[in-house]
């Protein structure tokens, strides 16, 4: 279901009007009505290729290499945050203990 709400800007002496439109359709129906292409066959083919490459152990077909283009160019900040979280959940240590370790 797609819901669209429109609201006219308020002007002095003019009543506001609010319009709601609800469209109940499947993703396929919406895609067709907007003229968007059906990319499901392409997605299926790409997933099959990636799966095959991963099973064969092709270099660059590991999950991290595949996701790298979608991640920020500098992943050091993410890795530092990940390390901090991992240290925060180590049993038997306090924040001061961890600060002394690093």
Foldseek 3Di string as FASTA:
>chain_A
DDKDKDWDDDDPPDDIDIDIDDDDDDPVVVCVVVVHDDCVVVVVVVVVVLVVCVVVVPPQSDPCSVCVVVDDVDCPVVVVVVVVVVVPPDPPDDPVRVVVVD
